[in-house]
Amino acid sequence: MLKTFDRNTRRILNFPAVLPSQDVNPATLLRSLVSLSHSITLYQSESFATNRRNARESIRQITILSMFFNEILALDVAGLPDSAMLCFSELHYSFQKIQFLLEDCTRSGARVWILMKSYYIAMQFQSLTRAIATALEVIPLNSIELSRDVNELVDLVAKQAKKATMEVDPDDDYEMKRVMLILNQFENQFEPDPIMIRRALRHLRIDSWSECHEEIRFLNQQISLELLETNERDLHLLRSLVGFMRYCRGTLFENFVFENTDNRLVGKANLDTLSCLNPVDFRCPISLELMTDPVIVSTGTIPPLMTLLSSSDPTTQENAIAGLLKLSKHSNGKKAMIVHGGLSSIIHVLKNGVKEECKQIASATIFYLSSNQTTQTLLGEIPEAIPGLIEQIKTGSSCGKRNSLAALFVILLNPGNHKTAISFGIVKLLTDLISTSQKPEIVTDSLAVVSALAESFDGSNRILKDSSLPLITKTLQTSTSRASKEYCVSILLALYNNLGNQVVAFLASYPDLIGFLYKLSTTGGSQASKKARSLIRIVQMFHKTSGSGLMAGWDSSRITTVRSC
């Protein structure tokens, strides 16, 4: 009864479910439901790299309902009322879609794409859970002779499904932001932090050359499909992800090559990698002999360098901080700097560097060191860290501004650091940069930091109080940078999520805003498109509500205040 689809030909995140025929035999429909439920429950043993919480909740609900279907099969199903048959058909239709969704979430080679589509997937789980709840509420359980236990279970599932909120797992959301940050680094010709990349790959459970290769092959297939359908919306993200995975394959797993033997990928040491090393690099500059015990990061690189940071000689200080910058990109170097109290010394250079170049290198070093939540917290606890970056954004060179903006963006991924940045006037500074800077890349970087701040209530509130909302809306309408437009949409949606009616009334007062949002929903990346569509629905609902006179739920007193900004 259930049409089968080849997982290799069905397009991912496409759910070609078929609604059962109205004249289907009741027993046939229920047996198919039982079989479908069993197929879904088998995913309990599958490994979900992402979207684990939503997937397991759906599986749990369907596992309980399978007992319900089995018990009904033991009854005289020919006498089931038409309303019950209609509900079973709807459940069958929803279960098909859930099975397709679970299949995609566990699909080999699609892990990074599924991660980046987590918001869309969560929305699908939410929609299907609501459909199950609706169907269960309509089923006339009183007219079906069920055991008391099963009746109570069905009632419980119906209530839970109705109240269930299928949201993106916080860990997935954090890793999505991490991947987007890495992609932005690639686009801005910033050397990515290997530690940050490894954390993202560890979350996705990609830990070999062959798994990277599978991801690349899948992403290339998706690009071909998008090209055939002339769909530009996801092409940019897909191509960026291909570049990211190729970098991982060639850089993180470069010490192995793989041969296809009996349809299996077999790894062996890559001797070519060793033979290409230049012996001159390992020759002692004094004795001219090959070094047998060269000094490397783990045995000597970092405490002596840190002592040189306090030097009054410009060249010495610059060379020392430049050396630490290189070492901050590697795990051992990063750990050694933190263990030996390097954060305070680097921040001292940021604030009091002998020359401007030392300050801008220090801000870049802070960026690489702040790639994990622990370091973000430590930096937030150092009184001079955030003020030092803000001062560099105010007075530094163009490169220093960009380095500091990037570092501050990563630090503000930890909401606990928002209050400190806000207290030092970061929002006003950023809005001034957005409105006056002649460099598009600085405007984009500034918008990125505002978007990070907008994720918290304190940040959103400060943005509103500093009269930044009109500027963000104007930038969305006038900027020629796609990245800037996408950050503007993220900011506006975050402001609405945190402040609600205080923001939507202002957005609704811009007659041309819907048109710009529609355009971005078709040309932007997947996340920007989703956020643009959400804003469209919010503004349209406001117009509908205000047009029908149902204004009690809106805070109209705020409209005047916002417009006067």
Protein backbone atom coordinates (compact mmCIF):
# COMPACT_ATOMS: atom_id res chain seq x y z
CA MET A 1 0.00 0.00 0.00
CA LEU A 2 2.88 2.35 0.74
CA LYS A 3 4.73 3.28 -2.42
CA THR A 4 8.47 2.71 -2.06
CA PHE A 5 11.07 5.22 -3.20
CA ASP A 6 14.76 4.66 -3.83
CA ARG A 7 16.60 6.77 -1.27
CA ASN A 8 19.28 7.48 -3.87
CA THR A 9 16.80 8.93 -6.39
CA ARG A 10 14.36 10.68 -4.07
CA ARG A 11 15.53 14.20 -3.49
CA ILE A 12 16.55 14.83 0.10
CA LEU A 13 14.01 16.66 2.29
CA ASN A 14 11.34 15.95 -0.28
CA PHE A 15 8.47 13.84 1.05
CA PRO A 16 6.41 12.20 -1.73
CA ALA A 17 3.79 10.76 0.63
CA VAL A 18 0.55 9.34 -0.80
CA LEU A 19 -2.80 9.77 0.96
CA PRO A 20 -4.57 6.37 1.15
CA SER A 21 -7.61 5.90 -1.05
CA GLN A 22 -10.98 6.64 0.54
CA ASP A 23 -12.29 3.17 -0.30
CA VAL A 24 -9.32 1.29 1.13
CA ASN A 25 -10.18 -1.77 3.20
CA PRO A 26 -9.99 -0.90 6.96
CA ALA A 27 -7.92 -3.98 7.78
CA THR A 28 -5.50 -3.22 4.94
CA LEU A 29 -5.08 0.35 6.12
CA LEU A 30 -4.44 -0.69 9.71
CA ARG A 31 -1.99 -3.43 8.74
CA SER A 32 -0.11 -0.86 6.65
CA LEU A 33 -0.10 1.51 9.62
CA VAL A 34 1.33 -1.21 11.83
CA SER A 35 4.02 -1.99 9.24
CA LEU A 36 4.85 1.68 8.80
CA SER A 37 5.01 2.21 12.57
CA HIS A 38 7.37 -0.75 12.88
CA SER A 39 9.65 0.69 10.17
CA ILE A 40 9.80 4.00 12.02
CA THR A 41 10.53 2.41 15.40
CA LEU A 42 13.55 0.66 13.85
CA TYR A 43 15.21 4.09 13.66
CA GLN A 44 15.61 3.92 17.45
CA SER A 45 18.87 2.07 16.84
CA GLU A 46 20.04 4.51 14.15
CA SER A 47 22.71 7.11 14.84
CA PHE A 48 21.45 10.68 14.55
CA ALA A 49 24.34 13.11 14.18
CA THR A 50 21.90 16.04 14.42
CA ASN A 51 18.21 16.64 15.14
CA ARG A 52 18.34 13.85 17.72
CA ARG A 53 15.80 15.27 20.17
CA ASN A 54 13.02 15.83 17.64
CA ALA A 55 13.61 12.52 15.89
CA ARG A 56 13.50 10.51 19.10
CA GLU A 57 10.37 12.27 20.32
CA SER A 58 8.56 11.38 17.08
CA ILE A 59 9.76 7.79 17.30
CA ARG A 60 8.58 7.58 20.92
CA GLN A 61 5.09 8.77 20.03
CA ILE A 62 4.75 6.36 17.11
CA THR A 63 6.06 3.46 19.21
CA ILE A 64 3.17 3.99 21.63
CA LEU A 65 0.64 4.37 18.82
CA SER A 66 1.75 1.08 17.25
CA MET A 67 0.22 -0.69 20.29
CA PHE A 68 -3.00 1.19 19.58
CA PHE A 69 -3.10 0.00 15.95
CA ASN A 70 -2.32 -3.60 16.91
CA GLU A 71 -5.17 -3.66 19.43
CA ILE A 72 -7.65 -2.25 16.89
CA LEU A 73 -6.63 -4.93 14.37
CA ALA A 74 -7.80 -7.55 16.85
CA LEU A 75 -11.31 -6.02 16.78
CA ASP A 76 -13.99 -6.05 14.11
CA VAL A 77 -12.51 -3.26 12.00
CA ALA A 78 -15.28 -3.48 9.43
CA GLY A 79 -17.53 -1.61 11.83
CA LEU A 80 -15.20 1.35 12.34
CA PRO A 81 -16.92 4.71 11.74
CA ASP A 82 -15.97 6.76 8.68
CA SER A 83 -14.47 9.49 10.88
CA ALA A 84 -12.04 6.95 12.36
CA MET A 85 -11.00 5.77 8.89
CA LEU A 86 -10.38 9.36 7.84
CA CYS A 87 -8.14 9.89 10.87
CA PHE A 88 -6.21 6.68 10.19
CA SER A 89 -5.63 7.84 6.61
CA GLU A 90 -4.27 11.15 7.86
CA LEU A 91 -2.01 9.35 10.35
CA HIS A 92 -0.75 7.09 7.57
CA TYR A 93 0.05 10.13 5.44
CA SER A 94 1.92 11.83 8.32
CA PHE A 95 3.81 8.65 9.20
CA GLN A 96 5.06 8.35 5.62
CA LYS A 97 6.51 11.84 5.82
CA ILE A 98 8.10 11.13 9.19
CA GLN A 99 9.75 8.03 7.76
CA PHE A 100 11.18 10.06 4.87
CA LEU A 101 12.38 12.69 7.35
CA LEU A 102 14.10 10.12 9.58
CA GLU A 103 15.69 8.52 6.54
CA ASP A 104 17.16 11.87 5.53
CA CYS A 105 18.40 12.65 9.04
CA THR A 106 20.41 9.41 9.04
CA ARG A 107 21.48 9.56 5.40
CA SER A 108 25.14 8.83 4.79
CA GLY A 109 27.05 11.78 3.37
CA ALA A 110 24.34 14.35 4.13
CA ARG A 111 25.29 15.26 7.69
CA VAL A 112 26.58 18.78 7.15
CA TRP A 113 23.64 19.65 4.86
CA ILE A 114 21.12 18.25 7.34
CA LEU A 115 22.78 20.34 10.08
CA MET A 116 22.44 23.51 8.02
CA LYS A 117 18.78 22.63 7.34
CA SER A 118 17.99 22.03 11.02
CA TYR A 119 15.47 24.88 11.24
CA TYR A 120 13.55 23.56 8.25
CA ILE A 121 13.66 20.01 9.66
CA ALA A 122 12.45 21.18 13.08
CA MET A 123 9.57 22.96 11.34
CA GLN A 124 8.67 19.72 9.52
CA PHE A 125 8.73 17.70 12.75
CA GLN A 126 6.56 20.37 14.39
CA SER A 127 4.05 20.34 11.54
CA LEU A 128 3.81 16.55 11.46
CA THR A 129 3.48 16.31 15.25
CA ARG A 130 0.60 18.79 15.12
CA ALA A 131 -1.03 16.74 12.35
CA ILE A 132 -0.80 13.60 14.51
CA ALA A 133 -2.31 15.46 17.47
CA THR A 134 -5.21 16.70 15.35
CA ALA A 135 -5.95 13.24 13.97
CA LEU A 136 -5.86 11.63 17.41
CA GLU A 137 -8.21 14.24 18.86
CA VAL A 138 -10.78 13.56 16.15
CA ILE A 139 -10.72 9.75 16.45
CA PRO A 140 -13.97 8.67 18.18
CA LEU A 141 -12.30 6.52 20.86
CA ASN A 142 -15.62 6.05 22.68
CA SER A 143 -16.98 4.08 19.73
CA ILE A 144 -13.97 1.73 19.66
CA GLU A 145 -13.73 -1.03 22.28
CA LEU A 146 -10.19 -0.48 23.51
CA SER A 147 -8.56 -1.53 26.75
CA ARG A 148 -8.37 1.18 29.36
CA ASP A 149 -4.55 1.24 29.27
CA VAL A 150 -4.36 1.77 25.51
CA ASN A 151 -7.13 4.35 25.62
CA GLU A 152 -5.21 6.33 28.22
CA LEU A 153 -1.97 6.03 26.25
CA VAL A 154 -3.59 7.38 23.08
CA ASP A 155 -5.09 10.24 25.03
CA LEU A 156 -1.70 10.98 26.57
CA VAL A 157 0.08 10.97 23.19
CA ALA A 158 -2.59 13.28 21.75
CA LYS A 159 -2.09 15.78 24.57
CA GLN A 160 1.70 15.60 24.39
CA ALA A 161 1.74 15.95 20.62
CA LYS A 162 -0.54 18.97 20.83
CA LYS A 163 1.76 20.70 23.33
CA ALA A 164 5.06 19.47 21.90
CA THR A 165 7.47 22.12 20.67
CA MET A 166 9.89 20.74 18.13
CA GLU A 167 12.78 23.20 18.26
CA VAL A 168 16.32 23.06 16.96
CA ASP A 169 18.58 21.33 19.44
CA PRO A 170 20.74 24.01 21.16
CA ASP A 171 23.91 22.07 20.32
CA ASP A 172 22.89 21.94 16.65
CA ASP A 173 22.14 25.65 16.67
CA TYR A 174 25.55 26.41 18.16
CA GLU A 175 27.31 24.22 15.59
CA MET A 176 25.35 25.84 12.73
CA LYS A 177 26.67 29.20 13.90
CA ARG A 178 30.16 27.72 14.14
CA VAL A 179 29.99 26.40 10.57
CA MET A 180 28.62 29.72 9.29
CA LEU A 181 31.49 31.51 11.05
CA ILE A 182 33.99 29.16 9.38
CA LEU A 183 32.38 29.77 5.97
CA ASN A 184 32.55 33.52 6.55
CA GLN A 185 36.25 33.17 7.36
CA PHE A 186 36.81 31.38 4.06
CA GLU A 187 34.90 34.07 2.16
CA ASN A 188 36.88 36.84 3.87
CA GLN A 189 40.18 35.02 3.21
CA PHE A 190 40.63 34.42 6.93
CA GLU A 191 42.57 31.26 7.77
CA PRO A 192 40.08 29.05 9.69
CA ASP A 193 40.85 27.82 13.17
CA PRO A 194 41.58 24.05 13.04
CA ILE A 195 40.16 23.60 16.54
CA MET A 196 36.89 25.22 15.55
CA ILE A 197 36.71 22.98 12.47
CA ARG A 198 37.46 19.84 14.45
CA ARG A 199 34.73 20.65 16.95
CA ALA A 200 32.20 21.03 14.14
CA LEU A 201 33.30 17.75 12.55
CA ARG A 202 33.19 15.98 15.90
CA HIS A 203 29.60 17.12 16.39
CA LEU A 204 28.74 15.77 12.93
CA ARG A 205 30.69 12.55 13.61
CA ILE A 206 32.83 13.08 10.54
CA ASP A 207 36.24 11.75 11.45
CA SER A 208 37.85 10.29 8.35
CA TRP A 209 38.90 11.11 4.81
CA SER A 210 36.26 8.80 3.38
CA GLU A 211 33.44 10.44 5.35
CA CYS A 212 34.53 13.87 4.11
CA HIS A 213 34.58 12.45 0.60
CA GLU A 214 31.02 11.15 1.01
CA GLU A 215 29.87 14.58 2.14
CA ILE A 216 31.49 16.24 -0.89
CA ARG A 217 29.93 13.73 -3.28
CA PHE A 218 26.47 14.29 -1.82
CA LEU A 219 26.81 18.10 -1.86
CA ASN A 220 27.90 18.01 -5.50
CA GLN A 221 24.81 15.95 -6.34
CA GLN A 222 22.67 18.58 -4.62
CA ILE A 223 24.37 21.34 -6.60
CA SER A 224 23.54 19.51 -9.83
CA LEU A 225 19.88 19.30 -8.81
CA GLU A 226 19.74 22.97 -7.91
CA LEU A 227 21.33 23.91 -11.24
CA LEU A 228 18.79 21.84 -13.16
CA GLU A 229 15.96 23.65 -11.41
CA THR A 230 17.76 27.01 -11.65
CA ASN A 231 17.37 27.36 -7.89
CA GLU A 232 19.87 30.00 -6.81
CA ARG A 233 18.72 30.12 -3.20
CA ASP A 234 20.80 27.24 -1.84
CA LEU A 235 23.56 27.16 -4.45
CA HIS A 236 25.84 29.59 -2.65
CA LEU A 237 25.61 27.69 0.65
CA LEU A 238 26.10 24.32 -1.07
CA ARG A 239 29.20 25.51 -2.90
CA SER A 240 30.61 27.00 0.30
CA LEU A 241 30.04 23.71 2.12
CA VAL A 242 31.79 21.78 -0.67
CA GLY A 243 34.80 24.06 -0.28
CA PHE A 244 34.69 23.59 3.49
CA MET A 245 34.60 19.79 3.26
CA ARG A 246 37.35 19.74 0.63
CA TYR A 247 39.48 21.80 2.97
CA CYS A 248 38.78 19.31 5.77
CA ARG A 249 39.52 16.34 3.56
CA GLY A 250 42.79 17.77 2.31
CA THR A 251 44.02 19.47 5.49
CA LEU A 252 42.79 17.49 8.48
CA PHE A 253 43.03 14.04 6.91
CA GLU A 254 45.91 14.66 4.49
CA ASN A 255 48.19 12.00 6.01
CA PHE A 256 46.13 9.18 4.53
CA VAL A 257 45.27 8.12 1.02
CA PHE A 258 42.49 5.71 0.21
CA GLU A 259 42.25 2.95 -2.34
CA ASN A 260 39.07 1.29 -3.52
CA THR A 261 39.49 -2.42 -2.88
CA ASP A 262 36.48 -4.71 -3.30
CA ASN A 263 34.19 -1.68 -3.00
CA ARG A 264 35.83 -0.72 0.29
CA LEU A 265 37.90 2.36 1.04
CA VAL A 266 41.18 1.21 2.56
CA GLY A 267 43.52 3.72 4.23
CA LYS A 268 47.31 3.64 4.30
CA ALA A 269 50.06 6.05 5.23
CA ASN A 270 50.79 8.66 2.58
CA LEU A 271 54.57 8.40 2.05
CA ASP A 272 54.41 11.11 -0.60
CA THR A 273 53.49 13.56 2.14
CA LEU A 274 56.69 12.68 4.00
CA SER A 275 58.92 12.68 0.93
CA CYS A 276 57.88 16.22 -0.04
CA LEU A 277 59.27 17.73 3.17
CA ASN A 278 62.23 20.06 2.60
CA PRO A 279 65.30 18.93 4.64
CA VAL A 280 66.51 22.54 4.77
CA ASP A 281 63.60 23.33 7.07
CA PHE A 282 65.06 20.90 9.63
CA ARG A 283 68.72 22.01 9.36
CA CYS A 284 70.23 23.77 12.37
CA PRO A 285 71.17 27.33 11.37
CA ILE A 286 74.31 27.15 13.53
CA SER A 287 75.80 23.68 12.98
CA LEU A 288 74.12 23.12 9.58
CA GLU A 289 73.36 19.56 10.74
CA LEU A 290 69.88 18.04 10.49
CA MET A 291 68.16 18.56 13.85
CA THR A 292 67.32 15.36 15.73
CA ASP A 293 65.33 17.12 18.48
CA PRO A 294 63.94 20.39 17.09
CA VAL A 295 62.13 22.76 19.44
CA ILE A 296 58.39 22.70 18.73
CA VAL A 297 55.24 24.08 20.36
CA SER A 298 54.83 21.32 22.97
CA THR A 299 58.45 21.50 24.18
CA GLY A 300 59.37 25.21 24.22
CA THR A 301 57.06 28.20 21.68
CA ILE A 302 55.06 29.79 24.14
CA PRO A 303 56.18 31.11 27.64
CA PRO A 304 59.35 32.77 26.24
CA LEU A 305 57.31 34.42 23.51
CA MET A 306 54.85 35.75 26.06
CA THR A 307 57.65 37.35 28.07
CA LEU A 308 58.61 39.29 24.94
CA LEU A 309 55.13 40.82 24.68
CA SER A 310 56.10 43.41 27.32
CA SER A 311 59.14 44.53 25.31
CA SER A 312 59.34 48.24 24.47
CA ASP A 313 61.09 47.43 21.21
CA PRO A 314 58.45 47.59 18.41
CA THR A 315 60.03 44.88 16.26
CA THR A 316 60.45 42.45 19.15
CA GLN A 317 56.89 42.91 20.34
CA GLU A 318 55.47 42.59 16.83
CA ASN A 319 57.43 39.39 16.10
CA ALA A 320 56.38 37.90 19.43
CA ILE A 321 52.66 38.58 18.98
CA ALA A 322 52.87 37.43 15.32
CA GLY A 323 54.39 34.15 16.49
CA LEU A 324 51.62 33.69 19.05
CA LEU A 325 49.05 34.40 16.35
CA LYS A 326 50.37 31.50 14.27
CA LEU A 327 50.41 29.20 17.29
CA SER A 328 46.91 30.23 18.38
CA LYS A 329 45.54 28.43 15.31
CA HIS A 330 46.60 25.04 16.67
CA SER A 331 45.23 23.12 19.62
CA ASN A 332 48.48 22.67 21.57
CA GLY A 333 49.42 26.30 21.12
CA LYS A 334 45.98 27.50 22.14
CA LYS A 335 45.99 25.38 25.30
CA ALA A 336 49.52 26.42 26.25
CA MET A 337 48.70 30.12 25.95
CA ILE A 338 45.68 29.80 28.19
CA VAL A 339 47.43 27.57 30.75
CA HIS A 340 50.34 30.01 31.02
CA GLY A 341 48.09 33.04 31.47
CA GLY A 342 48.61 34.32 27.96
CA LEU A 343 45.19 35.92 27.61
CA SER A 344 46.06 38.84 29.91
CA SER A 345 49.39 39.43 28.16
CA ILE A 346 47.77 39.45 24.71
CA ILE A 347 45.04 41.82 25.90
CA HIS A 348 47.78 44.09 27.28
CA VAL A 349 49.24 44.30 23.77
CA LEU A 350 45.76 44.95 22.38
CA LYS A 351 45.39 48.00 24.62
CA ASN A 352 48.99 49.21 24.91
CA GLY A 353 50.84 47.86 21.90
CA VAL A 354 53.97 49.79 20.93
CA LYS A 355 52.70 50.10 17.35
CA GLU A 356 49.35 49.79 15.64
CA GLU A 357 50.33 46.56 13.88
CA CYS A 358 50.88 44.87 17.26
CA LYS A 359 47.35 45.81 18.34
CA GLN A 360 45.71 44.48 15.20
CA ILE A 361 47.67 41.19 15.42
CA ALA A 362 46.61 40.88 19.07
CA SER A 363 42.94 41.21 18.12
CA ALA A 364 43.36 38.48 15.50
CA THR A 365 45.01 36.24 18.11
CA ILE A 366 42.07 36.80 20.48
CA PHE A 367 39.74 35.78 17.65
CA TYR A 368 41.43 32.41 17.27
CA LEU A 369 41.70 31.83 21.01
CA SER A 370 37.99 32.50 21.56
CA SER A 371 36.78 29.62 19.39
CA ASN A 372 35.34 27.66 22.33
CA GLN A 373 32.84 28.54 25.03
CA THR A 374 35.33 28.17 27.88
CA THR A 375 37.69 30.78 26.43
CA GLN A 376 34.75 33.04 25.59
CA THR A 377 33.81 32.96 29.26
CA LEU A 378 37.40 33.61 30.39
CA LEU A 379 37.70 36.60 28.07
CA GLY A 380 34.44 37.99 29.39
CA GLU A 381 35.84 37.79 32.91
CA ILE A 382 38.98 39.82 32.06
CA PRO A 383 37.96 43.48 32.61
CA GLU A 384 40.10 44.89 29.77
CA ALA A 385 39.23 42.33 27.06
CA ILE A 386 35.94 43.56 25.62
CA PRO A 387 36.73 47.29 26.21
CA GLY A 388 40.08 46.75 24.45
CA LEU A 389 38.39 45.30 21.37
CA ILE A 390 35.80 48.09 21.38
CA GLU A 391 38.57 50.70 21.53
CA GLN A 392 40.32 49.03 18.59
CA ILE A 393 37.05 49.14 16.64
CA LYS A 394 36.87 52.88 17.38
CA THR A 395 40.44 53.92 16.63
CA GLY A 396 42.22 51.05 14.90
CA SER A 397 43.21 50.66 11.26
CA SER A 398 40.81 49.08 8.81
CA CYS A 399 42.45 45.69 9.39
CA GLY A 400 42.41 46.25 13.16
CA LYS A 401 38.72 47.11 13.08
CA ARG A 402 37.87 43.95 11.13
CA ASN A 403 39.99 41.72 13.38
CA SER A 404 38.38 43.20 16.48
CA LEU A 405 34.87 42.91 15.05
CA ALA A 406 35.52 39.24 14.25
CA ALA A 407 36.89 38.58 17.74
CA LEU A 408 34.01 40.40 19.41
CA PHE A 409 31.47 38.47 17.32
CA VAL A 410 32.85 35.15 18.54
CA ILE A 411 33.04 36.32 22.16
CA LEU A 412 29.41 37.47 21.98
CA LEU A 413 28.29 34.00 20.95
CA ASN A 414 28.33 33.60 24.74
CA PRO A 415 25.26 35.64 25.87
CA GLY A 416 26.90 36.14 29.27
CA ASN A 417 29.25 38.67 27.65
CA HIS A 418 26.50 40.85 26.20
CA LYS A 419 26.00 43.11 29.23
CA THR A 420 29.68 44.04 29.36
CA ALA A 421 29.78 44.98 25.67
CA ILE A 422 26.54 46.93 25.99
CA SER A 423 27.80 48.85 29.02
CA PHE A 424 30.76 50.12 26.97
CA GLY A 425 28.54 51.54 24.23
CA ILE A 426 29.08 48.88 21.58
CA VAL A 427 25.64 49.27 19.97
CA LYS A 428 26.02 53.03 19.37
CA LEU A 429 29.52 52.46 18.00
CA LEU A 430 28.34 49.76 15.60
CA THR A 431 25.40 51.78 14.32
CA ASP A 432 27.76 54.70 13.65
CA LEU A 433 30.02 52.38 11.63
CA ILE A 434 27.07 50.96 9.70
CA SER A 435 25.80 54.42 8.79
CA THR A 436 29.15 56.11 8.02
CA SER A 437 31.73 53.53 6.92
CA GLN A 438 32.68 53.60 3.26
CA LYS A 439 33.99 50.02 3.43
CA PRO A 440 31.22 47.43 2.76
CA GLU A 441 33.14 44.69 4.58
CA ILE A 442 33.22 46.73 7.81
CA VAL A 443 29.50 47.40 7.51
CA THR A 444 28.86 43.68 7.09
CA ASP A 445 31.11 42.77 10.04
CA SER A 446 29.38 45.39 12.21
CA LEU A 447 25.97 43.97 11.31
CA ALA A 448 27.25 40.51 12.25
CA VAL A 449 28.13 41.73 15.76
CA VAL A 450 24.74 43.47 16.09
CA SER A 451 23.05 40.20 15.09
CA ALA A 452 24.93 38.38 17.86
CA LEU A 453 23.84 41.02 20.40
CA ALA A 454 20.24 40.91 19.21
CA GLU A 455 19.96 37.26 20.25
CA SER A 456 19.65 38.31 23.92
CA PHE A 457 16.93 40.44 25.49
CA ASP A 458 19.48 42.93 26.82
CA GLY A 459 21.02 43.32 23.39
CA SER A 460 17.66 43.72 21.66
CA ASN A 461 16.53 46.27 24.24
CA ARG A 462 19.71 48.32 23.80
CA ILE A 463 19.38 48.24 20.01
CA LEU A 464 15.85 49.60 20.30
CA LYS A 465 16.80 52.28 22.85
CA ASP A 466 19.76 53.44 20.75
CA SER A 467 17.41 54.13 17.83
CA SER A 468 19.12 51.51 15.68
CA LEU A 469 15.95 49.89 14.35
CA PRO A 470 15.34 52.44 11.55
CA LEU A 471 18.97 52.10 10.44
CA ILE A 472 18.77 48.30 10.28
CA THR A 473 15.56 48.51 8.25
CA LYS A 474 17.08 51.09 5.90
CA THR A 475 20.23 49.00 5.44
CA LEU A 476 18.11 45.99 4.49
CA GLN A 477 16.50 48.09 1.75
CA THR A 478 19.59 49.87 0.42
CA SER A 479 22.58 47.56 0.88
CA THR A 480 24.00 45.82 -2.17
CA SER A 481 25.66 43.13 -0.03
CA ARG A 482 23.73 39.91 0.32
CA ALA A 483 25.49 39.11 3.60
CA SER A 484 24.51 42.51 5.02
CA LYS A 485 20.88 41.98 4.04
CA GLU A 486 20.87 38.54 5.67
CA TYR A 487 22.30 39.93 8.91
CA CYS A 488 19.63 42.66 8.86
CA VAL A 489 16.87 40.05 8.62
CA SER A 490 18.44 38.07 11.48
CA ILE A 491 18.54 41.22 13.61
CA LEU A 492 14.92 42.16 12.87
CA LEU A 493 13.63 38.67 13.65
CA ALA A 494 15.66 38.49 16.87
CA LEU A 495 14.32 41.90 17.91
CA TYR A 496 10.77 40.70 17.31
CA ASN A 497 11.38 37.45 19.22
CA ASN A 498 12.72 39.36 22.22
CA LEU A 499 10.56 42.50 22.18
CA GLY A 500 7.47 41.45 20.21
CA ASN A 501 4.90 44.19 19.74
CA GLN A 502 7.41 46.98 20.28
CA VAL A 503 9.08 46.00 17.01
CA VAL A 504 6.33 44.65 14.76
CA ALA A 505 4.35 47.90 14.75
CA PHE A 506 7.41 49.74 13.50
CA LEU A 507 8.11 47.15 10.78
CA ALA A 508 4.50 47.30 9.63
CA SER A 509 4.84 51.07 9.16
CA TYR A 510 7.30 50.51 6.28
CA PRO A 511 5.11 49.89 3.19
CA ASP A 512 8.01 48.67 1.03
CA LEU A 513 9.49 46.29 3.60
CA ILE A 514 7.42 43.27 2.51
CA GLY A 515 8.75 43.57 -1.04
CA PHE A 516 12.38 43.49 0.11
CA LEU A 517 11.65 40.52 2.37
CA TYR A 518 9.98 38.64 -0.49
CA LYS A 519 13.02 39.22 -2.67
CA LEU A 520 15.40 37.97 0.02
CA SER A 521 13.20 34.92 0.66
CA THR A 522 13.85 33.80 -2.92
CA THR A 523 17.48 34.85 -3.35
CA GLY A 524 19.00 34.51 0.12
CA GLY A 525 20.57 31.52 1.80
CA SER A 526 18.41 28.88 3.43
CA GLN A 527 18.47 30.44 6.91
CA ALA A 528 17.97 33.99 5.62
CA SER A 529 15.07 32.85 3.42
CA LYS A 530 13.37 31.15 6.35
CA LYS A 531 13.79 34.22 8.55
CA ALA A 532 12.52 36.53 5.80
CA ARG A 533 9.40 34.37 5.39
CA SER A 534 8.84 34.46 9.16
CA LEU A 535 9.00 38.26 9.16
CA ILE A 536 6.57 38.41 6.24
CA ARG A 537 4.05 36.31 8.16
CA ILE A 538 4.51 38.44 11.29
CA VAL A 539 3.95 41.73 9.46
CA GLN A 540 1.01 40.35 7.47
CA MET A 541 -0.62 39.07 10.65
CA PHE A 542 -0.20 42.51 12.22
CA HIS A 543 -1.88 44.16 9.22
CA LYS A 544 -4.67 41.58 9.32
CA THR A 545 -5.21 42.03 13.04
CA SER A 546 -5.12 45.83 12.90
CA GLY A 547 -7.40 45.83 9.85
CA SER A 548 -10.03 43.76 11.64
CA GLY A 549 -9.94 46.02 14.69
CA LEU A 550 -8.47 43.29 16.95
CA MET A 551 -5.73 45.48 18.36
CA ALA A 552 -5.95 44.49 22.01
CA GLY A 553 -2.94 42.22 21.74
CA TRP A 554 -0.66 44.88 20.25
CA ASP A 555 1.23 47.48 22.27
CA SER A 556 0.21 50.51 20.24
CA SER A 557 1.65 52.92 22.81
CA ARG A 558 5.08 51.92 21.63
CA ILE A 559 4.48 52.89 17.99
CA THR A 560 4.89 56.62 18.61
CA THR A 561 8.04 56.06 20.63
CA VAL A 562 9.64 53.92 17.94
CA ARG A 563 8.66 56.23 15.08
CA SER A 564 10.07 59.22 16.89
CA CYS A 565 13.52 57.64 16.93
